Amino acid sequence: MPVGFKLRALQTAAAAAYGAAVDASASVAPAPARNLHRFANPGRFLRLSGKVLPYLAAAALAVSAVGLWWGLFRAPADWQQGDAVRIMYVHVPAAWLASLGYLGLAVCAVLSLVWRHPLADLAAAEIGPVGAGFTALCLATGSLWGKPMWGAWWVWDARLTSMLVLFFLYLGHIALIRAFDDPQRGYRAAAILALVGVVDLPIIKFSVDWWNTLHQPDSITLTGAPTMYVGMLYPLAVCALGFTLGFAAIVVARLRAAVMERRIRALLMARAQEGRMTEGRMTDGRMTDGRAAGAS
């Protein structure tokens, strides 16, 4: 049999095996969640994400560039903080995405533990490092902003401390996924941590209201008008949109790589199994020929 034909056959077998596992998990899922499993097929996900990712990445770069240029060079300086306030055009979107990313981990945990969505665990594994990176960026830019305003690089403020706890939760999630030989045990432990740690998100949000803190109150709320000058609010909104698109693009790219890696591993396992079966048949054939020769 030609090598190319055998390779295509193995690829087909590996994809079919993975698709069968997806279909099996979908068949045992509750009825409201079965529509979600339509997007868990690896081939369908790769096709859809392959079409969307270039536009998503381009939009993220363009919108982020416009927002940063607008905020860093065109927006007015604060009357009290001066040009130091321009750090917020990176700090605020990073803080927003740090919390949003962990909320995404919690959603993936529910999809995995309750509905057994096949891509939920992979998505959580790829969201974790990205969210940790944005949380570290939030802490670093907050420290740079705090030094000229508060006279210290770090204070044990309620908002800062709860954000530091979020960073450690991200690190714990990343470590738990890789702490077990059985990947499913790691996914399950990390999902439980994500659900437990989500309690930190309202603490981050309302820390400036519940405690007397150095951190300024929120300038943008859902219940009232923004307290920020519109000339600073608009570039901040553009930066937040650009960073959000960038976060999504990075996660989609990482998830595509993870799905392809899983399919390659399935292919290699199928090839190894076929090699063992071929070797076994050859051994049986030699033993049969030997017995036949001895009998004659």
Protein backbone atom coordinates (compact mmCIF):
# COMPACT_ATOMS: atom_id res chain seq x y z
CA MET A 1 0.00 0.00 0.00
CA PRO A 2 1.49 3.43 -0.91
CA VAL A 3 2.72 5.49 2.07
CA GLY A 4 0.63 8.54 1.13
CA PHE A 5 -2.54 6.48 0.96
CA LYS A 6 -1.81 4.89 4.34
CA LEU A 7 -1.16 8.31 5.90
CA ARG A 8 -4.46 9.67 4.58
CA ALA A 9 -6.24 6.59 5.88
CA LEU A 10 -4.70 7.07 9.32
CA GLN A 11 -5.64 10.75 9.35
CA THR A 12 -9.20 9.82 8.47
CA ALA A 13 -9.28 7.19 11.21
CA ALA A 14 -7.91 9.59 13.80
CA ALA A 15 -10.42 12.31 12.88
CA ALA A 16 -13.22 9.74 12.90
CA ALA A 17 -12.20 8.50 16.33
CA TYR A 18 -12.12 12.03 17.75
CA GLY A 19 -15.44 12.83 16.06
CA ALA A 20 -16.96 9.69 17.54
CA ALA A 21 -15.85 10.80 20.99
CA VAL A 22 -17.43 14.20 20.39
CA ASP A 23 -20.68 12.60 19.21
CA ALA A 24 -20.70 10.28 22.22
CA SER A 25 -20.28 13.17 24.63
CA ALA A 26 -23.02 15.08 22.82
CA SER A 27 -25.41 12.14 23.07
CA VAL A 28 -25.15 12.08 26.87
CA ALA A 29 -25.38 15.85 27.26
CA PRO A 30 -28.63 17.47 28.38
CA ALA A 31 -30.90 18.47 25.50
CA PRO A 32 -30.43 22.29 25.90
CA ALA A 33 -26.67 21.87 25.51
CA ARG A 34 -26.66 19.73 22.38
CA ASN A 35 -26.63 22.77 20.14
CA LEU A 36 -23.33 23.76 21.76
CA HIS A 37 -21.82 20.43 20.71
CA ARG A 38 -22.35 21.27 17.06
CA PHE A 39 -19.37 23.62 17.39
CA ALA A 40 -17.25 21.06 19.27
CA ASN A 41 -16.41 19.09 16.15
CA PRO A 42 -12.70 19.77 15.56
CA GLY A 43 -13.00 20.01 11.81
CA ARG A 44 -15.92 22.43 11.99
CA PHE A 45 -14.16 24.56 14.61
CA LEU A 46 -10.93 24.71 12.61
CA ARG A 47 -12.77 25.70 9.43
CA LEU A 48 -14.82 28.41 11.14
CA SER A 49 -11.97 29.82 13.23
CA GLY A 50 -9.61 29.74 10.25
CA LYS A 51 -11.95 32.09 8.39
CA VAL A 52 -12.58 34.40 11.35
CA LEU A 53 -9.09 34.62 12.88
CA PRO A 54 -7.36 36.79 10.22
CA TYR A 55 -10.11 39.41 10.36
CA LEU A 56 -10.20 39.28 14.15
CA ALA A 57 -6.43 39.78 14.44
CA ALA A 58 -6.41 42.59 11.88
CA ALA A 59 -9.28 44.37 13.64
CA ALA A 60 -7.55 43.99 17.00
CA LEU A 61 -4.31 45.54 15.70
CA ALA A 62 -6.07 48.38 13.91
CA VAL A 63 -8.45 49.32 16.74
CA SER A 64 -5.72 49.03 19.41
CA ALA A 65 -3.36 51.20 17.37
CA VAL A 66 -6.01 53.88 16.89
CA GLY A 67 -6.99 53.80 20.57
CA LEU A 68 -3.42 54.00 21.86
CA TRP A 69 -2.51 56.80 19.45
CA TRP A 70 -5.64 58.70 20.45
CA GLY A 71 -5.11 58.19 24.16
CA LEU A 72 -1.34 58.68 24.37
CA PHE A 73 -0.94 61.57 21.94
CA ARG A 74 -4.27 63.30 21.35
CA ALA A 75 -6.35 63.01 24.52
CA PRO A 76 -5.93 65.77 27.11
CA ALA A 77 -3.89 65.31 30.26
CA ASP A 78 -5.65 65.17 33.62
CA TRP A 79 -5.79 68.46 35.49
CA GLN A 80 -4.52 66.79 38.67
CA GLN A 81 -2.47 63.77 37.57
CA GLY A 82 -1.01 65.28 34.43
CA ASP A 83 0.36 62.97 31.73
CA ALA A 84 0.66 60.08 34.23
CA VAL A 85 -3.03 59.44 33.64
CA ARG A 86 -2.23 58.14 30.14
CA ILE A 87 -1.20 54.84 31.72
CA MET A 88 -4.91 54.14 32.11
CA TYR A 89 -5.25 53.50 28.36
CA VAL A 90 -3.36 50.26 28.95
CA HIS A 91 -4.12 49.66 32.63
CA VAL A 92 -7.92 49.82 32.48
CA PRO A 93 -8.37 47.49 29.45
CA ALA A 94 -5.89 45.04 31.02
CA ALA A 95 -7.85 45.07 34.29
CA TRP A 96 -11.13 44.59 32.43
CA LEU A 97 -9.77 41.61 30.49
CA ALA A 98 -8.17 40.08 33.57
CA SER A 99 -11.61 39.78 35.16
CA LEU A 100 -13.36 38.87 31.90
CA GLY A 101 -10.82 36.12 31.21
CA TYR A 102 -11.40 34.52 34.59
CA LEU A 103 -15.15 34.72 34.04
CA GLY A 104 -14.46 32.83 30.81
CA LEU A 105 -12.66 30.14 32.84
CA ALA A 106 -15.73 29.79 35.05
CA VAL A 107 -18.03 29.47 32.00
CA CYS A 108 -15.74 26.80 30.55
CA ALA A 109 -15.81 25.00 33.91
CA VAL A 110 -19.63 24.87 33.85
CA LEU A 111 -19.63 23.67 30.23
CA SER A 112 -17.14 20.96 31.12
CA LEU A 113 -18.51 19.72 34.46
CA VAL A 114 -22.22 19.99 33.65
CA TRP A 115 -22.53 19.57 29.88
CA ARG A 116 -19.26 17.74 29.07
CA HIS A 117 -18.49 20.07 26.18
CA PRO A 118 -15.43 18.57 24.46
CA LEU A 119 -13.72 21.90 23.71
CA ALA A 120 -14.42 23.54 27.06
CA ASP A 121 -11.37 22.04 28.79
CA LEU A 122 -9.09 22.96 25.90
CA ALA A 123 -10.49 26.49 25.86
CA ALA A 124 -9.91 26.88 29.60
CA ALA A 125 -6.34 25.64 29.24
CA GLU A 126 -5.68 28.30 26.57
CA ILE A 127 -7.52 31.15 28.30
CA GLY A 128 -5.52 30.72 31.52
CA PRO A 129 -2.08 31.88 30.29
CA VAL A 130 -3.58 34.75 28.30
CA GLY A 131 -5.61 35.94 31.29
CA ALA A 132 -2.57 35.64 33.56
CA GLY A 133 -0.60 37.78 31.11
CA PHE A 134 -3.20 40.53 31.11
CA THR A 135 -3.44 40.37 34.92
CA ALA A 136 0.34 40.79 35.18
CA LEU A 137 0.11 43.73 32.77
CA CYS A 138 -2.61 45.27 34.94
CA LEU A 139 -0.49 44.90 38.08
CA ALA A 140 2.64 46.28 36.39
CA THR A 141 0.92 49.33 34.89
CA GLY A 142 -0.92 49.92 38.16
CA SER A 143 2.41 49.96 39.97
CA LEU A 144 3.83 52.44 37.46
CA TRP A 145 0.75 54.62 37.92
CA GLY A 146 0.79 54.34 41.69
CA LYS A 147 4.39 55.49 42.18
CA PRO A 148 3.87 59.14 41.12
CA MET A 149 0.36 59.30 42.59
CA TRP A 150 0.80 57.50 45.92
CA GLY A 151 4.55 57.69 46.36
CA ALA A 152 4.90 53.88 46.47
CA TRP A 153 5.19 51.10 43.92
CA TRP A 154 2.83 48.88 45.91
CA VAL A 155 0.34 49.24 48.75
CA TRP A 156 -1.83 46.54 50.28
CA ASP A 157 -4.96 48.22 49.03
CA ALA A 158 -8.17 46.19 48.71
CA ARG A 159 -8.34 46.58 44.92
CA LEU A 160 -4.65 45.79 44.40
CA THR A 161 -4.67 42.84 46.79
CA SER A 162 -7.78 41.27 45.26
CA MET A 163 -6.23 41.66 41.80
CA LEU A 164 -3.05 39.97 43.06
CA VAL A 165 -5.21 37.11 44.36
CA LEU A 166 -6.71 36.83 40.87
CA PHE A 167 -3.21 36.51 39.41
CA PHE A 168 -2.43 33.67 41.82
CA LEU A 169 -5.72 32.00 40.90
CA TYR A 170 -4.67 32.08 37.26
CA LEU A 171 -1.30 30.56 38.15
CA GLY A 172 -3.02 27.86 40.22
CA HIS A 173 -5.35 27.04 37.33
CA ILE A 174 -2.42 26.73 34.92
CA ALA A 175 -0.50 24.52 37.36
CA LEU A 176 -3.44 22.23 38.16
CA ILE A 177 -4.11 21.43 34.50
CA ARG A 178 -0.54 20.16 34.17
CA ALA A 179 -0.21 18.54 37.60
CA PHE A 180 -1.66 15.11 36.78
CA ASP A 181 -0.61 12.33 34.45
CA ASP A 182 -4.26 11.89 33.49
CA PRO A 183 -5.30 15.09 31.65
CA GLN A 184 -8.96 14.64 32.60
CA ARG A 185 -8.12 14.80 36.31
CA GLY A 186 -6.19 18.02 35.72
CA TYR A 187 -9.05 19.55 33.74
CA ARG A 188 -11.54 18.60 36.45
CA ALA A 189 -9.42 20.01 39.29
CA ALA A 190 -8.78 23.24 37.38
CA ALA A 191 -12.51 23.59 36.61
CA ILE A 192 -13.36 23.32 40.30
CA LEU A 193 -10.73 25.96 41.14
CA ALA A 194 -12.18 28.25 38.46
CA LEU A 195 -15.65 27.99 40.00
CA VAL A 196 -14.36 28.56 43.53
CA GLY A 197 -12.14 31.46 42.52
CA VAL A 198 -14.88 33.33 40.68
CA VAL A 199 -15.92 34.76 44.07
CA ASP A 200 -12.92 37.09 43.76
CA LEU A 201 -14.48 38.93 40.81
CA PRO A 202 -17.20 40.80 42.78
CA ILE A 203 -14.60 41.55 45.45
CA ILE A 204 -12.42 43.21 42.80
CA LYS A 205 -15.39 45.11 41.41
CA PHE A 206 -16.83 46.42 44.69
CA SER A 207 -13.63 46.69 46.78
CA VAL A 208 -13.51 50.47 46.30
CA ASP A 209 -17.10 50.70 47.60
CA TRP A 210 -16.84 48.26 50.49
CA TRP A 211 -13.54 49.51 51.95
CA ASN A 212 -11.71 52.80 52.36
CA THR A 213 -9.02 52.42 49.71
CA LEU A 214 -6.38 54.51 47.98
CA HIS A 215 -7.64 53.32 44.60
CA GLN A 216 -10.04 55.78 43.00
CA PRO A 217 -13.71 54.79 42.59
CA ASP A 218 -14.94 53.50 39.27
CA SER A 219 -15.39 56.25 36.70
CA ILE A 220 -17.71 54.09 34.55
CA THR A 221 -20.66 52.26 36.08
CA LEU A 222 -23.82 50.59 34.81
CA THR A 223 -26.07 52.62 37.09
CA GLY A 224 -24.85 56.16 36.44
CA ALA A 225 -23.30 58.51 33.94
CA PRO A 226 -19.51 58.36 33.49
CA THR A 227 -17.56 60.80 35.64
CA MET A 228 -14.74 60.99 33.07
CA TYR A 229 -14.33 63.74 30.51
CA VAL A 230 -15.56 62.52 27.11
CA GLY A 231 -12.26 63.47 25.48
CA MET A 232 -10.65 60.79 27.66
CA LEU A 233 -13.60 58.38 27.71
CA TYR A 234 -13.77 57.79 23.95
CA PRO A 235 -10.13 56.76 23.44
CA LEU A 236 -10.38 54.56 26.53
CA ALA A 237 -13.42 52.81 25.04
CA VAL A 238 -11.55 52.30 21.74
CA CYS A 239 -8.56 50.85 23.61
CA ALA A 240 -10.83 48.53 25.58
CA LEU A 241 -12.44 47.30 22.36
CA GLY A 242 -9.08 46.77 20.65
CA PHE A 243 -7.60 44.90 23.61
CA THR A 244 -10.73 42.73 23.85
CA LEU A 245 -10.45 41.79 20.18
CA GLY A 246 -6.77 41.03 20.74
CA PHE A 247 -7.57 38.82 23.71
CA ALA A 248 -10.11 36.90 21.62
CA ALA A 249 -7.68 36.55 18.70
CA ILE A 250 -4.92 35.17 20.91
CA VAL A 251 -7.25 32.66 22.57
CA VAL A 252 -8.67 31.48 19.23
CA ALA A 253 -5.17 31.06 17.79
CA ARG A 254 -4.03 29.09 20.84
CA LEU A 255 -7.17 26.95 20.78
CA ARG A 256 -6.66 26.14 17.10
CA ALA A 257 -3.11 25.03 17.88
CA ALA A 258 -4.35 22.88 20.78
CA VAL A 259 -6.99 21.17 18.62
CA MET A 260 -4.43 20.46 15.90
CA GLU A 261 -1.98 19.13 18.48
CA ARG A 262 -4.64 16.77 19.82
CA ARG A 263 -5.44 15.53 16.33
CA ILE A 264 -1.75 14.95 15.59
CA ARG A 265 -1.39 12.96 18.78
CA ALA A 266 -4.39 10.85 17.81
CA LEU A 267 -2.80 10.28 14.39
CA LEU A 268 0.52 9.22 15.92
CA MET A 269 -1.25 6.84 18.30
CA ALA A 270 -3.16 5.33 15.37
CA ARG A 271 0.07 4.89 13.42
CA ALA A 272 1.78 3.28 16.42
CA GLN A 273 -1.16 0.92 16.92
CA GLU A 274 -1.13 -0.05 13.25
CA GLY A 275 2.62 -0.69 13.47
CA ARG A 276 2.15 -2.99 16.46
CA MET A 277 -0.65 -4.86 14.70
CA THR A 278 1.48 -5.27 11.53
CA GLU A 279 4.42 -6.52 13.57
CA GLY A 280 2.16 -8.98 15.37
CA ARG A 281 0.80 -10.35 12.09
CA MET A 282 4.32 -10.76 10.74
CA THR A 283 5.39 -12.59 13.89
CA ASP A 284 2.37 -14.90 13.70
CA GLY A 285 3.14 -15.58 10.03
CA ARG A 286 6.73 -16.52 10.77
CA MET A 287 5.64 -18.83 13.59
CA THR A 288 3.10 -20.50 11.28
CA ASP A 289 5.72 -20.99 8.57
CA GLY A 290 8.12 -22.43 11.11
CA ARG A 291 5.59 -24.95 12.37
CA ALA A 292 4.72 -25.93 8.81
CA ALA A 293 8.39 -26.47 7.96
CA GLY A 294 8.90 -28.58 11.09
CA ALA A 295 5.90 -30.73 10.29
CA SER A 296 7.20 -31.47 6.78
